[in-house]
């Protein structure tokens, strides 16, 4: 059982907070948390291994909200083809909150709020899109890297948006979000590449039926309250 301590929260409320320091101190993973965070920072600085594939294990997997899993060869080929360094010369990941997961002591988490400007050609799906000059302001996204005992990354997760209301990507993360920010979202001809919209079923259960019930209650007072 993971060590936890009861935090404050007011009378009658409990907030169970993991004792991260104790859990990490008891970890059997051979790489200390500070060294693991340093490896994750190096990985990010090398564009998640694109500039230095030796940072990735041979069984590496890239796993995004939609894309993946991609193996090492697929990942490197795909990300190199976008040529983001030229497409967005001033790209900044604006990262913070680098920390080791107390329940997975070989995983480092961090957050980003990517910004930049579309200043060069972007390559996608065999097409070349000229610079638009448009600004990119991505929502906060969570990224994680899992490392083996040799310090190589064997899984990367990224592009997981934490608040789709932020930025100018219409709520999307990673490359899909960037494409929407620079006006190329129409070149993603599949639902997963478009901003989230509620399904008809969700709308019916969440909005339509309650509205119908409310309207019927006004016409026939007490009908639904008696049935309930």
Protein backbone atom coordinates (compact mmCIF):
# COMPACT_ATOMS: atom_id res chain seq x y z
CA UNK A 1 0.00 0.00 0.00
CA UNK A 2 1.34 3.42 -0.95
CA UNK A 3 2.25 5.62 2.05
CA UNK A 4 -0.17 8.51 2.38
CA UNK A 5 -0.92 11.20 4.87
CA UNK A 6 -4.21 12.82 5.74
CA UNK A 7 -4.19 16.46 4.81
CA UNK A 8 -6.48 19.28 5.73
CA UNK A 9 -9.73 20.00 4.04
CA UNK A 10 -12.05 21.32 6.65
CA UNK A 11 -14.37 19.65 9.06
CA UNK A 12 -15.61 16.31 7.78
CA UNK A 13 -13.34 16.38 4.69
CA UNK A 14 -10.28 14.28 3.96
CA UNK A 15 -7.54 14.84 1.42
CA UNK A 16 -5.30 11.81 1.04
CA UNK A 17 -1.94 12.96 -0.23
CA UNK A 18 0.75 10.50 -1.25
CA UNK A 19 3.96 10.79 0.74
CA UNK A 20 6.06 11.13 -2.41
CA UNK A 21 9.36 11.67 -0.61
CA UNK A 22 8.98 8.51 1.45
CA UNK A 23 7.83 6.45 -1.51
CA UNK A 24 10.76 7.56 -3.67
CA UNK A 25 13.20 6.98 -0.80
CA UNK A 26 11.98 3.37 -0.60
CA UNK A 27 12.16 2.84 -4.37
CA UNK A 28 14.34 0.02 -5.67
CA UNK A 29 14.83 1.72 -9.05
CA UNK A 30 18.60 2.25 -9.41
CA UNK A 31 18.51 5.79 -10.86
CA UNK A 32 17.89 8.50 -8.22
CA UNK A 33 15.00 10.91 -8.91
CA UNK A 34 17.26 13.92 -9.48
CA UNK A 35 19.32 12.02 -12.06
CA UNK A 36 16.18 10.72 -13.74
CA UNK A 37 14.78 14.24 -14.10
CA UNK A 38 18.12 15.31 -15.59
CA UNK A 39 17.83 12.51 -18.16
CA UNK A 40 14.30 13.60 -19.02
CA UNK A 41 15.48 17.20 -19.50
CA UNK A 42 18.25 15.98 -21.80
CA UNK A 43 15.72 13.94 -23.74
CA UNK A 44 13.52 17.00 -24.22
CA UNK A 45 16.51 19.13 -25.22
CA UNK A 46 17.32 16.56 -27.90
CA UNK A 47 13.75 16.80 -29.26
CA UNK A 48 12.63 13.60 -27.54
CA UNK A 49 15.54 11.69 -29.02
CA UNK A 50 15.10 12.86 -32.60
CA UNK A 51 18.52 14.55 -32.41
CA UNK A 52 20.08 11.67 -30.43
CA UNK A 53 18.35 8.29 -30.93
CA UNK A 54 20.78 6.64 -28.50
CA UNK A 55 18.63 8.14 -25.71
CA UNK A 56 15.82 5.81 -26.79
CA UNK A 57 15.74 2.08 -26.13
CA UNK A 58 15.35 -0.32 -29.03
CA UNK A 59 11.84 -1.25 -27.83
CA UNK A 60 10.83 2.42 -27.54
CA UNK A 61 7.18 3.39 -28.02
CA UNK A 62 5.59 6.77 -28.62
CA UNK A 63 2.02 6.97 -27.31
CA UNK A 64 -0.16 10.03 -27.88
CA UNK A 65 -3.86 10.59 -27.26
CA UNK A 66 -4.56 9.55 -30.86
CA UNK A 67 -1.29 8.65 -32.55
CA UNK A 68 0.55 5.49 -31.59
CA UNK A 69 1.91 3.35 -30.29
CA UNK A 70 4.77 4.04 -32.72
CA UNK A 71 7.98 2.04 -32.49
CA UNK A 72 11.38 3.70 -32.54
CA UNK A 73 11.85 3.61 -36.30
CA UNK A 74 8.32 4.83 -37.00
CA UNK A 75 8.64 7.63 -34.47
CA UNK A 76 11.97 8.92 -35.78
CA UNK A 77 10.87 8.75 -39.40
CA UNK A 78 7.58 10.49 -38.69
CA UNK A 79 8.88 13.32 -36.52
CA UNK A 80 11.87 14.03 -38.73
CA UNK A 81 9.55 14.36 -41.73
CA UNK A 82 7.65 17.27 -40.12
CA UNK A 83 10.86 19.32 -39.89
CA UNK A 84 9.42 21.38 -37.02
CA UNK A 85 12.75 23.07 -36.32
CA UNK A 86 12.46 24.87 -39.66
CA UNK A 87 8.69 25.20 -39.67
CA UNK A 88 8.68 26.89 -36.24
CA UNK A 89 12.18 28.36 -35.71
CA UNK A 90 11.25 30.01 -32.40
CA UNK A 91 9.42 27.00 -30.96
CA UNK A 92 9.52 26.95 -27.15
CA UNK A 93 8.08 24.20 -25.00
CA UNK A 94 7.85 26.44 -21.90
CA UNK A 95 8.13 23.44 -19.59
CA UNK A 96 7.79 23.26 -15.80
CA UNK A 97 6.99 20.96 -12.88
CA UNK A 98 9.49 18.21 -13.71
CA UNK A 99 9.04 15.41 -11.19
CA UNK A 100 9.29 11.65 -10.71
CA UNK A 101 6.05 9.71 -10.26
CA UNK A 102 6.06 8.26 -6.72
CA UNK A 103 4.00 5.29 -7.89
CA UNK A 104 6.18 4.68 -10.95
CA UNK A 105 9.70 5.68 -9.87
CA UNK A 106 11.06 5.18 -13.38
CA UNK A 107 8.64 7.74 -14.90
CA UNK A 108 9.23 11.50 -15.12
CA UNK A 109 6.32 13.87 -15.66
CA UNK A 110 6.39 17.48 -16.83
CA UNK A 111 4.02 20.09 -18.23
CA UNK A 112 4.38 22.35 -21.27
CA UNK A 113 2.67 25.37 -22.83
CA UNK A 114 4.21 25.41 -26.31
CA UNK A 115 4.49 28.70 -28.19
CA UNK A 116 6.03 29.83 -31.45
CA UNK A 117 5.30 31.21 -34.90
CA UNK A 118 4.90 29.40 -38.20
CA UNK A 119 7.94 30.85 -39.91
CA UNK A 120 8.96 28.06 -42.32
CA UNK A 121 7.60 25.25 -44.44
CA UNK A 122 5.75 22.50 -42.55
CA UNK A 123 5.72 19.01 -44.03
CA UNK A 124 2.74 16.77 -43.33
CA UNK A 125 1.35 13.68 -45.08
CA UNK A 126 3.50 14.21 -48.14
CA UNK A 127 2.51 17.87 -48.52
CA UNK A 128 4.45 21.08 -47.93
CA UNK A 129 2.72 24.05 -46.32
CA UNK A 130 4.35 27.46 -46.67
CA UNK A 131 4.96 29.72 -43.68
CA UNK A 132 1.81 31.54 -42.59
CA UNK A 133 3.38 33.77 -39.95
CA UNK A 134 0.64 32.77 -37.52
CA UNK A 135 1.29 32.53 -33.80
CA UNK A 136 1.00 29.22 -31.93
CA UNK A 137 -0.23 29.14 -28.36
CA UNK A 138 -0.86 25.58 -27.20
CA UNK A 139 -2.89 24.67 -24.11
CA UNK A 140 -1.12 23.11 -21.11
CA UNK A 141 -0.12 19.55 -21.92
CA UNK A 142 1.22 16.68 -19.84
CA UNK A 143 4.24 14.69 -21.00
CA UNK A 144 5.93 11.68 -19.43
CA UNK A 145 8.98 9.52 -20.12
CA UNK A 146 9.57 6.04 -18.75
CA UNK A 147 13.17 4.88 -18.41
CA UNK A 148 14.81 1.48 -18.15
CA UNK A 149 17.57 0.73 -15.64
CA UNK A 150 20.20 1.80 -18.19
CA UNK A 151 18.62 5.25 -18.35
CA UNK A 152 17.15 4.93 -21.82
CA UNK A 153 13.61 6.07 -22.54
CA UNK A 154 11.36 3.18 -23.52
CA UNK A 155 8.00 5.00 -23.56
CA UNK A 156 7.05 8.60 -24.23
CA UNK A 157 3.54 9.97 -23.74
CA UNK A 158 2.78 13.52 -24.85
CA UNK A 159 0.07 15.77 -26.27
CA UNK A 160 -2.39 15.18 -23.42
CA UNK A 161 -4.24 18.48 -23.02
CA UNK A 162 -5.15 19.48 -19.46
CA UNK A 163 -7.46 22.42 -20.25
CA UNK A 164 -8.85 22.58 -23.79
CA UNK A 165 -10.15 26.13 -23.22
CA UNK A 166 -6.61 27.58 -23.24
CA UNK A 167 -4.57 28.69 -26.23
CA UNK A 168 -5.51 28.95 -29.90
CA UNK A 169 -5.42 25.29 -30.98
CA UNK A 170 -9.16 24.69 -30.43
CA UNK A 171 -8.37 22.35 -27.59
CA UNK A 172 -6.04 20.01 -29.45
CA UNK A 173 -2.50 19.10 -28.45
CA UNK A 174 0.75 18.10 -30.14
CA UNK A 175 0.98 18.44 -33.95
CA UNK A 176 -2.79 18.43 -34.48
CA UNK A 177 -3.07 21.45 -32.23
CA UNK A 178 -0.24 23.26 -34.01
CA UNK A 179 -1.93 22.69 -37.37
CA UNK A 180 -5.18 24.17 -36.12
CA UNK A 181 -3.35 27.19 -34.69
CA UNK A 182 -1.78 27.99 -38.07
CA UNK A 183 -4.98 27.45 -40.04
CA UNK A 184 -4.28 23.97 -41.41
CA UNK A 185 -6.78 21.99 -39.35
CA UNK A 186 -8.84 21.30 -42.47
CA UNK A 187 -6.01 19.06 -43.69
CA UNK A 188 -6.78 16.53 -40.94
CA UNK A 189 -9.70 14.68 -42.58
CA UNK A 190 -10.69 12.55 -39.60
CA UNK A 191 -12.68 13.23 -36.40
CA UNK A 192 -9.67 12.68 -34.10
CA UNK A 193 -7.93 15.61 -35.78
CA UNK A 194 -10.78 18.02 -35.16
CA UNK A 195 -11.90 19.94 -32.05
CA UNK A 196 -14.00 17.95 -29.63
CA UNK A 197 -17.74 18.17 -30.10
CA UNK A 198 -20.41 16.28 -28.14
CA UNK A 199 -22.04 13.30 -29.81
CA UNK A 200 -25.78 13.29 -30.46
CA UNK A 201 -26.16 10.65 -27.75
CA UNK A 202 -24.31 12.80 -25.21
CA UNK A 203 -26.32 15.87 -26.15
CA UNK A 204 -29.57 13.93 -25.82
CA UNK A 205 -28.75 12.58 -22.36
CA UNK A 206 -27.14 15.73 -21.02
CA UNK A 207 -29.08 18.59 -22.60
CA UNK A 208 -32.17 17.51 -24.52
CA UNK A 209 -33.85 15.10 -22.12
CA UNK A 210 -33.49 17.35 -19.04
CA UNK A 211 -34.88 20.26 -21.06
CA UNK A 212 -37.82 18.13 -22.21
CA UNK A 213 -38.45 16.98 -18.65
CA UNK A 214 -38.40 20.56 -17.41
CA UNK A 215 -40.84 21.64 -20.13
CA UNK A 216 -43.21 18.74 -19.36
CA UNK A 217 -43.02 19.52 -15.65
CA UNK A 218 -44.26 23.00 -16.41
CA UNK A 219 -47.13 21.63 -18.48
CA UNK A 220 -48.01 18.81 -16.08
CA UNK A 221 -46.80 19.85 -12.61
CA UNK A 222 -45.77 17.02 -10.33
CA UNK A 223 -45.83 14.29 -12.99
CA UNK A 224 -42.11 13.48 -12.90
CA UNK A 225 -41.61 14.20 -9.20
CA UNK A 226 -44.35 11.65 -8.36
CA UNK A 227 -42.80 9.06 -10.63
CA UNK A 228 -39.45 9.52 -8.96
